């Protein structure tokens, strides 16, 4: 029983994380290159 609850809690945390990061736009290839050049 306790293991089932832990598994569900972990799934909820993963779902929360994926939902949160899904709200951000990914960098385009050009943005990634520009950012890398700025960092160098």
C-alpha atoms as a PDB file:
ATOM      1  CA  UNK A   1       0.000   0.000   0.000  1.00  0.00           C
ATOM      2  CA  UNK A   2       2.679   2.535   0.981  1.00  0.00           C
ATOM      3  CA  UNK A   3       4.704   1.785  -2.166  1.00  0.00           C
ATOM      4  CA  UNK A   4       1.641   2.481  -4.323  1.00  0.00           C
ATOM      5  CA  UNK A   5       1.250   5.868  -2.664  1.00  0.00           C
ATOM      6  CA  UNK A   6       4.935   6.702  -3.173  1.00  0.00           C
ATOM      7  CA  UNK A   7       4.666   5.747  -6.847  1.00  0.00           C
ATOM      8  CA  UNK A   8       1.610   7.988  -7.268  1.00  0.00           C
ATOM      9  CA  UNK A   9       3.336  10.858  -5.454  1.00  0.00           C
ATOM     10  CA  UNK A  10       6.361  10.534  -7.736  1.00  0.00           C
ATOM     11  CA  UNK A  11       4.108  10.461 -10.802  1.00  0.00           C
ATOM     12  CA  UNK A  12       2.370  13.603  -9.548  1.00  0.00           C
ATOM     13  CA  UNK A  13       5.723  15.362  -9.140  1.00  0.00           C
ATOM     14  CA  UNK A  14       6.810  14.338 -12.625  1.00  0.00           C
ATOM     15  CA  UNK A  15       3.484  15.494 -14.058  1.00  0.00           C
ATOM     16  CA  UNK A  16       3.834  18.827 -12.227  1.00  0.00           C
ATOM     17  CA  UNK A  17       7.394  19.263 -13.515  1.00  0.00           C
ATOM     18  CA  UNK A  18       6.437  18.455 -17.106  1.00  0.00           C
ATOM     19  CA  UNK A  19       3.454  20.791 -16.942  1.00  0.00           C
ATOM     20  CA  UNK A  20       5.648  23.602 -15.608  1.00  0.00           C
ATOM     21  CA  UNK A  21       8.419  23.234 -18.179  1.00  0.00           C
ATOM     22  CA  UNK A  22       5.857  22.877 -20.957  1.00  0.00           C
ATOM     23  CA  UNK A  23       4.881  26.509 -20.430  1.00  0.00           C
ATOM     24  CA  UNK A  24       8.212  27.780 -21.765  1.00  0.00           C
ATOM     25  CA  UNK A  25       9.008  28.200 -25.438  1.00  0.00           C
ATOM     26  CA  UNK A  26      12.040  26.212 -26.575  1.00  0.00           C
ATOM     27  CA  UNK A  27      14.997  27.941 -28.192  1.00  0.00           C
ATOM     28  CA  UNK A  28      15.228  27.790 -31.949  1.00  0.00           C
ATOM     29  CA  UNK A  29      18.437  26.570 -33.556  1.00  0.00           C
ATOM     30  CA  UNK A  30      19.431  30.162 -34.343  1.00  0.00           C
ATOM     31  CA  UNK A  31      18.697  31.303 -30.787  1.00  0.00           C
ATOM     32  CA  UNK A  32      20.796  28.461 -29.431  1.00  0.00           C
ATOM     33  CA  UNK A  33      23.746  29.394 -31.661  1.00  0.00           C
ATOM     34  CA  UNK A  34      23.444  33.091 -30.759  1.00  0.00           C
ATOM     35  CA  UNK A  35      23.337  32.288 -27.057  1.00  0.00           C
ATOM     36  CA  UNK A  36      26.351  29.973 -27.309  1.00  0.00           C
ATOM     37  CA  UNK A  37      28.341  32.706 -29.058  1.00  0.00           C
ATOM     38  CA  UNK A  38      27.415  35.220 -26.356  1.00  0.00           C
ATOM     39  CA  UNK A  39      28.586  32.805 -23.661  1.00  0.00           C
ATOM     40  CA  UNK A  40      31.963  32.174 -25.319  1.00  0.00           C
END
